[in-house]
Amino acid sequence: MNLRQAAMLAVSLSPITLAAQGREPFAPVVLSLPGGARTLALGNVGVAGRDDDVLFFNPSQLAIARGTSASVERLSSAAATGSLSSVIRFSTGGVAVGMRMADYEAPSNFFPVNRDSMLNAGPGRGTSVEAAVGLAMVAKNIRFGATAKYVEDNVQSFRAGRAAFDLGVSKDMLRTTWALAVQNLGESMSMRCSIASAAQSGDCVAAGVPLSSQFTTAQLPLKTTLGAYHTRPVGQFDLAATAAVSVLRNGFVTPAGGAELGYSWLDGYSIALRAGGRRPIDGEGAMTAGAGLNIDRLSIDYALETLSRSRVAHRVGLRVR
């Protein structure tokens, strides 16, 4: 299966209408944020990953993932995000728990926030949270997984939360891991927009909510992703490459990929350089990069991602295997 065939398969399996290319309000914003430092450096492609933060990309890979990790990222002077995940072996697969959280400034009562608007300073405060539990099992050499999660956006005194689900499947073929995931299955989110507050500040109007409306509704960012991960030795180095194509609910297609070049001078000790690229959504830039250091069971990872208006965000992570 080549990359073109993989992209066509992902599109055909996605429960969306490709004709709808306009921008739509999605929430919560945490579901659009990176989940780990190493993954971010590889174009934020994690659907076929093998680290514990694959919980945020494809639950089927939890069957072979191990470890506990934490990472934090400074997006701007007004916004930061972090994640925590851990996976252990269970029967023929694995079980994992994890959480992602974003803290940002925002115009009062502004909903929904996206990756662009959350970077700007404002008089209000907002948080976005995801708490997830994932399970994976293996049957006939095929890995299957599911994640149940609670997601929530908080802006000022307003709160909107929902249960959501991820499904995934993956298999190793021809020295390559192939993976498919459908994420953020669930009902849309509604947040009450105070008419009195809107009349005073105009924030709800700026968010596109008419004064005659008491609620604004945003859909979960339903996403279908098909990707692959391949590793091979190249002389004294280890080369890994990953690529994926995702289709959002509104039909926006986002191809992405990355590569890692690693070198080990002693068993258990290695360094790696990483680079990636992606088709950006609002607020993102196209390029990512990073590096990693492994010391026995401890991994220290750094990643940067370009953002809109020539901004750069930095992420640091620790992982124990």
C-alpha atoms as a PDB file:
ATOM      1  CA  MET A   1       0.000   0.000   0.000  1.00  0.00           C
ATOM      2  CA  ASN A   2       1.559   3.328  -1.020  1.00  0.00           C
ATOM      3  CA  LEU A   3       0.922   6.733   0.542  1.00  0.00           C
ATOM      4  CA  ARG A   4      -1.592   7.759  -2.135  1.00  0.00           C
ATOM      5  CA  GLN A   5      -3.635   4.602  -1.550  1.00  0.00           C
ATOM      6  CA  ALA A   6      -3.438   5.178   2.212  1.00  0.00           C
ATOM      7  CA  ALA A   7      -4.774   8.708   1.831  1.00  0.00           C
ATOM      8  CA  MET A   8      -7.672   7.520  -0.354  1.00  0.00           C
ATOM      9  CA  LEU A   9      -8.538   4.822   2.196  1.00  0.00           C
ATOM     10  CA  ALA A  10      -8.557   7.315   5.069  1.00  0.00           C
ATOM     11  CA  VAL A  11     -10.871   9.613   3.144  1.00  0.00           C
ATOM     12  CA  SER A  12     -13.244   6.799   2.231  1.00  0.00           C
ATOM     13  CA  LEU A  13     -13.476   5.645   5.864  1.00  0.00           C
ATOM     14  CA  SER A  14     -14.025   9.114   7.302  1.00  0.00           C
ATOM     15  CA  PRO A  15     -17.632   9.860   8.326  1.00  0.00           C
ATOM     16  CA  ILE A  16     -17.616  13.418   6.913  1.00  0.00           C
ATOM     17  CA  THR A  17     -18.540  15.252   3.728  1.00  0.00           C
ATOM     18  CA  LEU A  18     -15.493  16.330   1.753  1.00  0.00           C
ATOM     19  CA  ALA A  19     -17.363  19.089  -0.047  1.00  0.00           C
ATOM     20  CA  ALA A  20     -17.546  21.116   3.161  1.00  0.00           C
ATOM     21  CA  GLN A  21     -14.250  22.994   3.213  1.00  0.00           C
ATOM     22  CA  GLY A  22     -15.328  26.023   5.256  1.00  0.00           C
ATOM     23  CA  ARG A  23     -14.115  26.644   8.774  1.00  0.00           C
ATOM     24  CA  GLU A  24     -16.368  25.411  11.551  1.00  0.00           C
ATOM     25  CA  PRO A  25     -16.192  25.966  15.317  1.00  0.00           C
ATOM     26  CA  PHE A  26     -14.634  22.945  17.060  1.00  0.00           C
ATOM     27  CA  ALA A  27     -14.273  22.417  20.801  1.00  0.00           C
ATOM     28  CA  PRO A  28     -12.622  21.758  23.129  1.00  0.00           C
ATOM     29  CA  VAL A  29      -9.334  23.246  21.978  1.00  0.00           C
ATOM     30  CA  VAL A  30      -7.255  20.708  23.945  1.00  0.00           C
ATOM     31  CA  LEU A  31      -8.157  18.053  21.355  1.00  0.00           C
ATOM     32  CA  SER A  32      -6.248  20.055  18.715  1.00  0.00           C
ATOM     33  CA  LEU A  33      -3.065  20.395  20.793  1.00  0.00           C
ATOM     34  CA  PRO A  34       0.062  18.186  20.734  1.00  0.00           C
ATOM     35  CA  GLY A  35       0.290  15.252  23.121  1.00  0.00           C
ATOM     36  CA  GLY A  36       4.036  14.728  23.551  1.00  0.00           C
ATOM     37  CA  ALA A  37       7.444  16.213  22.767  1.00  0.00           C
ATOM     38  CA  ARG A  38       8.843  13.436  20.545  1.00  0.00           C
ATOM     39  CA  THR A  39       5.587  13.123  18.615  1.00  0.00           C
ATOM     40  CA  LEU A  40       5.392  16.889  18.088  1.00  0.00           C
ATOM     41  CA  ALA A  41       8.912  16.967  16.648  1.00  0.00           C
ATOM     42  CA  LEU A  42       7.812  14.381  14.051  1.00  0.00           C
ATOM     43  CA  GLY A  43       5.084  16.601  12.618  1.00  0.00           C
ATOM     44  CA  ASN A  44       2.732  15.704  15.493  1.00  0.00           C
ATOM     45  CA  VAL A  45       2.173  12.298  13.877  1.00  0.00           C
ATOM     46  CA  GLY A  46       1.485   9.683  16.535  1.00  0.00           C
ATOM     47  CA  VAL A  47      -1.100   7.323  15.051  1.00  0.00           C
ATOM     48  CA  ALA A  48       1.492   4.535  14.684  1.00  0.00           C
ATOM     49  CA  GLY A  49       3.675   5.544  17.618  1.00  0.00           C
ATOM     50  CA  ARG A  50       5.069   3.250  20.291  1.00  0.00           C
ATOM     51  CA  ASP A  51       5.365   5.625  23.244  1.00  0.00           C
ATOM     52  CA  ASP A  52       2.787   5.964  26.019  1.00  0.00           C
ATOM     53  CA  ASP A  53       1.431   9.265  24.644  1.00  0.00           C
ATOM     54  CA  VAL A  54      -0.013   7.262  21.742  1.00  0.00           C
ATOM     55  CA  LEU A  55      -3.059   7.242  24.032  1.00  0.00           C
ATOM     56  CA  PHE A  56      -3.843  10.679  22.528  1.00  0.00           C
ATOM     57  CA  PHE A  57      -3.507   9.444  18.924  1.00  0.00           C
ATOM     58  CA  ASN A  58      -4.450   5.771  18.518  1.00  0.00           C
ATOM     59  CA  PRO A  59      -5.464   3.446  21.372  1.00  0.00           C
ATOM     60  CA  SER A  60      -4.642   0.262  19.440  1.00  0.00           C
ATOM     61  CA  GLN A  61      -0.912   0.992  19.789  1.00  0.00           C
ATOM     62  CA  LEU A  62      -1.223   0.769  23.567  1.00  0.00           C
ATOM     63  CA  ALA A  63      -0.804  -2.985  23.066  1.00  0.00           C
ATOM     64  CA  ILE A  64       2.918  -2.440  22.403  1.00  0.00           C
ATOM     65  CA  ALA A  65       3.550   0.898  24.138  1.00  0.00           C
ATOM     66  CA  ARG A  66       5.134   1.086  27.582  1.00  0.00           C
ATOM     67  CA  GLY A  67       6.237   3.827  29.941  1.00  0.00           C
ATOM     68  CA  THR A  68       5.176   6.974  31.758  1.00  0.00           C
ATOM     69  CA  SER A  69       5.768  10.475  30.450  1.00  0.00           C
ATOM     70  CA  ALA A  70       5.030  14.125  31.143  1.00  0.00           C
ATOM     71  CA  SER A  71       5.578  17.167  28.950  1.00  0.00           C
ATOM     72  CA  VAL A  72       4.858  20.894  29.027  1.00  0.00           C
ATOM     73  CA  GLU A  73       4.765  23.494  26.259  1.00  0.00           C
ATOM     74  CA  ARG A  74       4.822  27.286  26.286  1.00  0.00           C
ATOM     75  CA  LEU A  75       2.677  28.399  23.367  1.00  0.00           C
ATOM     76  CA  SER A  76       2.877  32.136  24.036  1.00  0.00           C
ATOM     77  CA  SER A  77       3.022  34.586  26.930  1.00  0.00           C
ATOM     78  CA  ALA A  78      -0.725  33.984  27.347  1.00  0.00           C
ATOM     79  CA  ALA A  79      -0.998  30.212  26.841  1.00  0.00           C
ATOM     80  CA  ALA A  80       0.624  26.966  27.975  1.00  0.00           C
ATOM     81  CA  THR A  81      -0.271  23.295  27.807  1.00  0.00           C
ATOM     82  CA  GLY A  82       0.873  20.035  29.335  1.00  0.00           C
ATOM     83  CA  SER A  83       0.216  16.303  29.247  1.00  0.00           C
ATOM     84  CA  LEU A  84       0.699  13.221  31.392  1.00  0.00           C
ATOM     85  CA  SER A  85       0.258   9.587  30.341  1.00  0.00           C
ATOM     86  CA  SER A  86       1.152   6.108  31.523  1.00  0.00           C
ATOM     87  CA  VAL A  87       0.621   2.634  30.046  1.00  0.00           C
ATOM     88  CA  ILE A  88       1.125  -0.865  31.484  1.00  0.00           C
ATOM     89  CA  ARG A  89       0.757  -4.371  30.107  1.00  0.00           C
ATOM     90  CA  PHE A  90      -2.663  -5.994  30.434  1.00  0.00           C
ATOM     91  CA  SER A  91      -3.459  -9.512  29.137  1.00  0.00           C
ATOM     92  CA  THR A  92      -2.448  -9.537  25.441  1.00  0.00           C
ATOM     93  CA  GLY A  93      -2.393  -5.745  25.222  1.00  0.00           C
ATOM     94  CA  GLY A  94      -2.154  -2.686  27.431  1.00  0.00           C
ATOM     95  CA  VAL A  95      -4.168  -0.208  29.469  1.00  0.00           C
ATOM     96  CA  ALA A  96      -3.361   3.490  29.814  1.00  0.00           C
ATOM     97  CA  VAL A  97      -4.496   6.620  31.611  1.00  0.00           C
ATOM     98  CA  GLY A  98      -3.659  10.172  30.666  1.00  0.00           C
ATOM     99  CA  MET A  99      -4.563  13.822  30.855  1.00  0.00           C
ATOM    100  CA  ARG A 100      -3.975  16.939  28.778  1.00  0.00           C
ATOM    101  CA  MET A 101      -4.659  20.492  29.937  1.00  0.00           C
ATOM    102  CA  ALA A 102      -4.332  23.953  28.425  1.00  0.00           C
ATOM    103  CA  ASP A 103      -4.381  27.259  30.292  1.00  0.00           C
ATOM    104  CA  TYR A 104      -4.794  30.494  28.354  1.00  0.00           C
ATOM    105  CA  GLU A 105      -6.056  34.053  28.336  1.00  0.00           C
ATOM    106  CA  ALA A 106      -9.116  34.918  26.266  1.00  0.00           C
ATOM    107  CA  PRO A 107     -11.676  37.655  25.647  1.00  0.00           C
ATOM    108  CA  SER A 108     -14.450  37.364  28.236  1.00  0.00           C
ATOM    109  CA  ASN A 109     -17.045  34.678  27.413  1.00  0.00           C
ATOM    110  CA  PHE A 110     -15.363  33.832  24.075  1.00  0.00           C
ATOM    111  CA  PHE A 111     -16.317  30.347  22.839  1.00  0.00           C
ATOM    112  CA  PRO A 112     -15.053  28.318  21.127  1.00  0.00           C
ATOM    113  CA  VAL A 113     -11.354  29.101  21.383  1.00  0.00           C
ATOM    114  CA  ASN A 114      -9.039  27.724  18.667  1.00  0.00           C
ATOM    115  CA  ARG A 115      -5.260  27.319  18.366  1.00  0.00           C
ATOM    116  CA  ASP A 116      -4.955  30.870  17.029  1.00  0.00           C
ATOM    117  CA  SER A 117      -7.169  32.841  19.399  1.00  0.00           C
ATOM    118  CA  MET A 118      -5.795  31.115  22.520  1.00  0.00           C
ATOM    119  CA  LEU A 119      -2.332  32.561  21.827  1.00  0.00           C
ATOM    120  CA  ASN A 120      -3.478  36.155  22.328  1.00  0.00           C
ATOM    121  CA  ALA A 121      -3.635  38.011  25.626  1.00  0.00           C
ATOM    122  CA  GLY A 122      -7.064  38.939  26.988  1.00  0.00           C
ATOM    123  CA  PRO A 123      -8.881  39.950  30.158  1.00  0.00           C
ATOM    124  CA  GLY A 124     -10.447  36.525  30.708  1.00  0.00           C
ATOM    125  CA  ARG A 125      -9.034  33.152  31.727  1.00  0.00           C
ATOM    126  CA  GLY A 126      -9.749  29.819  30.146  1.00  0.00           C
ATOM    127  CA  THR A 127      -8.828  26.172  30.585  1.00  0.00           C
ATOM    128  CA  SER A 128      -9.343  23.119  28.405  1.00  0.00           C
ATOM    129  CA  VAL A 129      -9.038  19.598  29.812  1.00  0.00           C
ATOM    130  CA  GLU A 130      -9.003  16.001  28.550  1.00  0.00           C
ATOM    131  CA  ALA A 131      -8.949  12.965  30.873  1.00  0.00           C
ATOM    132  CA  ALA A 132      -8.638   9.611  29.080  1.00  0.00           C
ATOM    133  CA  VAL A 133      -8.572   5.858  29.751  1.00  0.00           C
ATOM    134  CA  GLY A 134      -7.525   3.543  26.920  1.00  0.00           C
ATOM    135  CA  LEU A 135      -7.441  -0.222  26.377  1.00  0.00           C
ATOM    136  CA  ALA A 136      -5.860  -2.307  23.615  1.00  0.00           C
ATOM    137  CA  MET A 137      -5.954  -6.013  22.840  1.00  0.00           C
ATOM    138  CA  VAL A 138      -4.400  -8.249  20.183  1.00  0.00           C
ATOM    139  CA  ALA A 139      -6.342 -10.758  18.065  1.00  0.00           C
ATOM    140  CA  LYS A 140      -4.801 -12.674  15.165  1.00  0.00           C
ATOM    141  CA  ASN A 141      -1.792 -10.340  15.077  1.00  0.00           C
ATOM    142  CA  ILE A 142      -4.051  -7.281  14.725  1.00  0.00           C
ATOM    143  CA  ARG A 143      -4.175  -4.695  17.499  1.00  0.00           C
ATOM    144  CA  PHE A 144      -7.525  -3.160  18.452  1.00  0.00           C
ATOM    145  CA  GLY A 145      -8.068  -0.330  20.895  1.00  0.00           C
ATOM    146  CA  ALA A 146     -10.614   2.064  22.348  1.00  0.00           C
ATOM    147  CA  THR A 147     -10.371   5.174  24.510  1.00  0.00           C
ATOM    148  CA  ALA A 148     -13.061   6.748  26.660  1.00  0.00           C
ATOM    149  CA  LYS A 149     -12.458  10.336  27.698  1.00  0.00           C
ATOM    150  CA  TYR A 150     -14.060  13.354  29.274  1.00  0.00           C
ATOM    151  CA  VAL A 151     -13.309  16.700  27.621  1.00  0.00           C
ATOM    152  CA  GLU A 152     -14.165  20.149  28.889  1.00  0.00           C
ATOM    153  CA  ASP A 153     -13.730  23.845  28.077  1.00  0.00           C
ATOM    154  CA  ASN A 154     -13.959  26.523  30.762  1.00  0.00           C
ATOM    155  CA  VAL A 155     -14.094  30.218  29.872  1.00  0.00           C
ATOM    156  CA  GLN A 156     -14.611  32.559  32.802  1.00  0.00           C
ATOM    157  CA  SER A 157     -17.626  31.195  34.722  1.00  0.00           C
ATOM    158  CA  PHE A 158     -18.909  29.170  31.751  1.00  0.00           C
ATOM    159  CA  ARG A 159     -18.320  25.437  31.380  1.00  0.00           C
ATOM    160  CA  ALA A 160     -19.031  22.902  28.635  1.00  0.00           C
ATOM    161  CA  GLY A 161     -18.082  19.230  28.927  1.00  0.00           C
ATOM    162  CA  ARG A 162     -18.756  15.987  27.068  1.00  0.00           C
ATOM    163  CA  ALA A 163     -17.799  12.342  26.945  1.00  0.00           C
ATOM    164  CA  ALA A 164     -15.940  11.329  23.790  1.00  0.00           C
ATOM    165  CA  PHE A 165     -14.419   8.168  22.339  1.00  0.00           C
ATOM    166  CA  ASP A 166     -11.533   7.052  20.117  1.00  0.00           C
ATOM    167  CA  LEU A 167     -11.238   3.796  18.161  1.00  0.00           C
ATOM    168  CA  GLY A 168      -8.116   2.380  16.541  1.00  0.00           C
ATOM    169  CA  VAL A 169      -6.636  -0.590  14.730  1.00  0.00           C
ATOM    170  CA  SER A 170      -3.040  -1.347  13.717  1.00  0.00           C
ATOM    171  CA  LYS A 171      -0.873  -4.111  12.283  1.00  0.00           C
ATOM    172  CA  ASP A 172       2.789  -4.704  11.428  1.00  0.00           C
ATOM    173  CA  MET A 173       3.392  -5.565   7.773  1.00  0.00           C
ATOM    174  CA  LEU A 174       6.587  -5.477   5.693  1.00  0.00           C
ATOM    175  CA  ARG A 175       8.637  -4.073   8.611  1.00  0.00           C
ATOM    176  CA  THR A 176       6.189  -1.178   8.847  1.00  0.00           C
ATOM    177  CA  THR A 177       3.450  -0.406  11.363  1.00  0.00           C
ATOM    178  CA  TRP A 178       0.172   0.582   9.664  1.00  0.00           C
ATOM    179  CA  ALA A 179      -2.489   2.236  11.800  1.00  0.00           C
ATOM    180  CA  LEU A 180      -5.969   3.721  11.478  1.00  0.00           C
ATOM    181  CA  ALA A 181      -7.750   5.770  14.146  1.00  0.00           C
ATOM    182  CA  VAL A 182     -11.075   7.589  14.397  1.00  0.00           C
ATOM    183  CA  GLN A 183     -10.988  10.146  17.203  1.00  0.00           C
ATOM    184  CA  ASN A 184     -13.353  12.422  19.099  1.00  0.00           C
ATOM    185  CA  LEU A 185     -16.583  10.578  18.521  1.00  0.00           C
ATOM    186  CA  GLY A 186     -19.358  12.258  20.477  1.00  0.00           C
ATOM    187  CA  GLU A 187     -22.075  14.880  20.615  1.00  0.00           C
ATOM    188  CA  SER A 188     -21.534  18.595  20.047  1.00  0.00           C
ATOM    189  CA  MET A 189     -20.856  20.970  22.952  1.00  0.00           C
ATOM    190  CA  SER A 190     -23.004  23.950  23.937  1.00  0.00           C
ATOM    191  CA  MET A 191     -21.995  26.833  26.161  1.00  0.00           C
ATOM    192  CA  ARG A 192     -24.381  29.476  27.471  1.00  0.00           C
ATOM    193  CA  CYS A 193     -23.534  32.972  26.277  1.00  0.00           C
ATOM    194  CA  SER A 194     -24.721  35.577  28.746  1.00  0.00           C
ATOM    195  CA  ILE A 195     -26.876  38.165  26.957  1.00  0.00           C
ATOM    196  CA  ALA A 196     -26.228  40.730  29.694  1.00  0.00           C
ATOM    197  CA  SER A 197     -22.479  40.220  29.462  1.00  0.00           C
ATOM    198  CA  ALA A 198     -22.571  40.320  25.666  1.00  0.00           C
ATOM    199  CA  ALA A 199     -24.520  43.574  25.656  1.00  0.00           C
ATOM    200  CA  GLN A 200     -21.942  45.108  27.974  1.00  0.00           C
ATOM    201  CA  SER A 201     -18.706  43.823  26.440  1.00  0.00           C
ATOM    202  CA  GLY A 202     -19.597  42.649  22.939  1.00  0.00           C
ATOM    203  CA  ASP A 203     -17.505  39.484  23.345  1.00  0.00           C
ATOM    204  CA  CYS A 204     -20.261  37.096  22.321  1.00  0.00           C
ATOM    205  CA  VAL A 205     -20.903  39.173  19.216  1.00  0.00           C
ATOM    206  CA  ALA A 206     -17.200  38.987  18.381  1.00  0.00           C
ATOM    207  CA  ALA A 207     -17.479  35.214  18.681  1.00  0.00           C
ATOM    208  CA  GLY A 208     -20.286  35.186  16.145  1.00  0.00           C
ATOM    209  CA  VAL A 209     -23.142  34.666  18.617  1.00  0.00           C
ATOM    210  CA  PRO A 210     -26.184  36.918  18.046  1.00  0.00           C
ATOM    211  CA  LEU A 211     -27.623  38.674  21.081  1.00  0.00           C
ATOM    212  CA  SER A 212     -30.899  36.843  20.512  1.00  0.00           C
ATOM    213  CA  SER A 213     -29.185  33.499  21.125  1.00  0.00           C
ATOM    214  CA  GLN A 214     -28.496  32.122  24.596  1.00  0.00           C
ATOM    215  CA  PHE A 215     -26.219  29.312  23.452  1.00  0.00           C
ATOM    216  CA  THR A 216     -23.343  28.781  21.050  1.00  0.00           C
ATOM    217  CA  THR A 217     -22.648  25.245  19.848  1.00  0.00           C
ATOM    218  CA  ALA A 218     -19.381  23.687  18.707  1.00  0.00           C
ATOM    219  CA  GLN A 219     -18.788  20.191  17.397  1.00  0.00           C
ATOM    220  CA  LEU A 220     -16.071  17.869  18.601  1.00  0.00           C
ATOM    221  CA  PRO A 221     -13.143  17.830  16.121  1.00  0.00           C
ATOM    222  CA  LEU A 222     -13.940  14.393  14.677  1.00  0.00           C
ATOM    223  CA  LYS A 223     -10.815  13.161  12.915  1.00  0.00           C
ATOM    224  CA  THR A 224      -9.924  10.062  10.902  1.00  0.00           C
ATOM    225  CA  THR A 225      -6.197   9.319  10.506  1.00  0.00           C
ATOM    226  CA  LEU A 226      -4.332   6.679   8.521  1.00  0.00           C
ATOM    227  CA  GLY A 227      -0.588   6.476   9.022  1.00  0.00           C
ATOM    228  CA  ALA A 228       2.559   4.382   9.015  1.00  0.00           C
ATOM    229  CA  TYR A 229       5.798   4.112  10.994  1.00  0.00           C
ATOM    230  CA  HIS A 230       8.994   2.511   9.659  1.00  0.00           C
ATOM    231  CA  THR A 231      12.449   1.992  11.172  1.00  0.00           C
ATOM    232  CA  ARG A 232      15.696   0.646   9.746  1.00  0.00           C
ATOM    233  CA  PRO A 233      19.442   0.808  10.461  1.00  0.00           C
ATOM    234  CA  VAL A 234      21.521   3.036   8.179  1.00  0.00           C
ATOM    235  CA  GLY A 235      25.162   2.303   8.821  1.00  0.00           C
ATOM    236  CA  GLN A 236      25.910   3.310  12.412  1.00  0.00           C
ATOM    237  CA  PHE A 237      22.644   5.221  12.669  1.00  0.00           C
ATOM    238  CA  ASP A 238      19.001   4.292  13.267  1.00  0.00           C
ATOM    239  CA  LEU A 239      16.482   5.931  10.956  1.00  0.00           C
ATOM    240  CA  ALA A 240      12.780   6.192  11.720  1.00  0.00           C
ATOM    241  CA  ALA A 241      10.131   7.789   9.530  1.00  0.00           C
ATOM    242  CA  THR A 242       6.417   8.306   9.986  1.00  0.00           C
ATOM    243  CA  ALA A 243       3.656   9.752   7.829  1.00  0.00           C
ATOM    244  CA  ALA A 244      -0.084  10.164   8.122  1.00  0.00           C
ATOM    245  CA  VAL A 245      -3.064  11.812   6.520  1.00  0.00           C
ATOM    246  CA  SER A 246      -5.987  13.060   8.604  1.00  0.00           C
ATOM    247  CA  VAL A 247      -9.445  14.206   7.582  1.00  0.00           C
ATOM    248  CA  LEU A 248     -11.392  16.512   9.885  1.00  0.00           C
ATOM    249  CA  ARG A 249     -15.157  16.613  10.263  1.00  0.00           C
ATOM    250  CA  ASN A 250     -15.441  19.572   7.867  1.00  0.00           C
ATOM    251  CA  GLY A 251     -13.414  17.810   5.154  1.00  0.00           C
ATOM    252  CA  PHE A 252     -10.095  19.567   5.793  1.00  0.00           C
ATOM    253  CA  VAL A 253      -7.294  17.140   4.837  1.00  0.00           C
ATOM    254  CA  THR A 254      -4.056  17.420   6.827  1.00  0.00           C
ATOM    255  CA  PRO A 255      -1.075  15.347   5.649  1.00  0.00           C
ATOM    256  CA  ALA A 256       1.939  15.295   7.968  1.00  0.00           C
ATOM    257  CA  GLY A 257       5.156  13.399   8.525  1.00  0.00           C
ATOM    258  CA  GLY A 258       8.541  13.359  10.169  1.00  0.00           C
ATOM    259  CA  ALA A 259      11.884  11.602  10.440  1.00  0.00           C
ATOM    260  CA  GLU A 260      14.296  10.768  13.246  1.00  0.00           C
ATOM    261  CA  LEU A 261      18.012  10.012  12.995  1.00  0.00           C
ATOM    262  CA  GLY A 262      19.415   8.312  16.085  1.00  0.00           C
ATOM    263  CA  TYR A 263      22.908   7.317  17.196  1.00  0.00           C
ATOM    264  CA  SER A 264      23.868   5.023  20.079  1.00  0.00           C
ATOM    265  CA  TRP A 265      27.428   4.854  21.375  1.00  0.00           C
ATOM    266  CA  LEU A 266      26.657   2.515  24.295  1.00  0.00           C
ATOM    267  CA  ASP A 267      23.848   0.117  25.066  1.00  0.00           C
ATOM    268  CA  GLY A 268      21.015   2.164  26.583  1.00  0.00           C
ATOM    269  CA  TYR A 269      22.527   5.536  25.644  1.00  0.00           C
ATOM    270  CA  SER A 270      21.546   7.368  22.478  1.00  0.00           C
ATOM    271  CA  ILE A 271      20.788  10.755  20.955  1.00  0.00           C
ATOM    272  CA  ALA A 272      18.362  11.650  18.170  1.00  0.00           C
ATOM    273  CA  LEU A 273      17.601  14.554  15.870  1.00  0.00           C
ATOM    274  CA  ARG A 274      14.053  15.001  14.529  1.00  0.00           C
ATOM    275  CA  ALA A 275      12.222  17.092  11.950  1.00  0.00           C
ATOM    276  CA  GLY A 276       8.657  17.155  10.668  1.00  0.00           C
ATOM    277  CA  GLY A 277       6.150  18.979   8.540  1.00  0.00           C
ATOM    278  CA  ARG A 278       2.369  19.307   8.403  1.00  0.00           C
ATOM    279  CA  ARG A 279      -0.454  21.108   6.692  1.00  0.00           C
ATOM    280  CA  PRO A 280      -1.388  23.578   9.424  1.00  0.00           C
ATOM    281  CA  ILE A 281      -4.786  24.341  10.881  1.00  0.00           C
ATOM    282  CA  ASP A 282      -5.629  27.824  12.204  1.00  0.00           C
ATOM    283  CA  GLY A 283      -2.889  29.003  14.547  1.00  0.00           C
ATOM    284  CA  GLU A 284      -0.269  26.466  13.465  1.00  0.00           C
ATOM    285  CA  GLY A 285       2.823  26.700  11.273  1.00  0.00           C
ATOM    286  CA  ALA A 286       4.078  24.043   8.896  1.00  0.00           C
ATOM    287  CA  MET A 287       7.386  23.025  10.487  1.00  0.00           C
ATOM    288  CA  THR A 288       8.357  21.095  13.628  1.00  0.00           C
ATOM    289  CA  ALA A 289      11.736  19.894  14.924  1.00  0.00           C
ATOM    290  CA  GLY A 290      13.400  18.539  18.028  1.00  0.00           C
ATOM    291  CA  ALA A 291      15.980  16.324  19.691  1.00  0.00           C
ATOM    292  CA  GLY A 292      16.140  13.571  22.270  1.00  0.00           C
ATOM    293  CA  LEU A 293      18.538  11.988  24.747  1.00  0.00           C
ATOM    294  CA  ASN A 294      18.106   8.457  26.148  1.00  0.00           C
ATOM    295  CA  ILE A 295      19.936   7.478  29.330  1.00  0.00           C
ATOM    296  CA  ASP A 296      19.078   3.899  30.187  1.00  0.00           C
ATOM    297  CA  ARG A 297      15.319   3.992  30.995  1.00  0.00           C
ATOM    298  CA  LEU A 298      15.051   7.802  31.013  1.00  0.00           C
ATOM    299  CA  SER A 299      14.313   9.860  27.892  1.00  0.00           C
ATOM    300  CA  ILE A 300      14.566  13.643  27.703  1.00  0.00           C
ATOM    301  CA  ASP A 301      12.876  15.163  24.655  1.00  0.00           C
ATOM    302  CA  TYR A 302      12.644  18.676  23.243  1.00  0.00           C
ATOM    303  CA  ALA A 303      10.432  19.890  20.414  1.00  0.00           C
ATOM    304  CA  LEU A 304       9.531  23.162  18.760  1.00  0.00           C
ATOM    305  CA  GLU A 305       6.635  23.962  16.488  1.00  0.00           C
ATOM    306  CA  THR A 306       6.070  26.985  14.309  1.00  0.00           C
ATOM    307  CA  LEU A 307       2.829  28.858  14.888  1.00  0.00           C
ATOM    308  CA  SER A 308       0.903  31.554  13.053  1.00  0.00           C
ATOM    309  CA  ARG A 309       2.344  35.064  12.654  1.00  0.00           C
ATOM    310  CA  SER A 310       5.948  33.774  12.805  1.00  0.00           C
ATOM    311  CA  ARG A 311       5.668  32.549  16.389  1.00  0.00           C
ATOM    312  CA  VAL A 312       7.463  29.495  17.809  1.00  0.00           C
ATOM    313  CA  ALA A 313       6.412  27.275  20.721  1.00  0.00           C
ATOM    314  CA  HIS A 314       8.744  25.063  22.776  1.00  0.00           C
ATOM    315  CA  ARG A 315       7.929  21.732  24.451  1.00  0.00           C
ATOM    316  CA  VAL A 316       9.990  19.652  26.898  1.00  0.00           C
ATOM    317  CA  GLY A 317       9.172  16.126  27.998  1.00  0.00           C
ATOM    318  CA  LEU A 318      10.443  13.349  30.275  1.00  0.00           C
ATOM    319  CA  ARG A 319       9.694   9.649  29.823  1.00  0.00           C
ATOM    320  CA  VAL A 320      10.525   6.656  32.018  1.00  0.00           C
ATOM    321  CA  ARG A 321      10.292   3.164  30.549  1.00  0.00           C
END
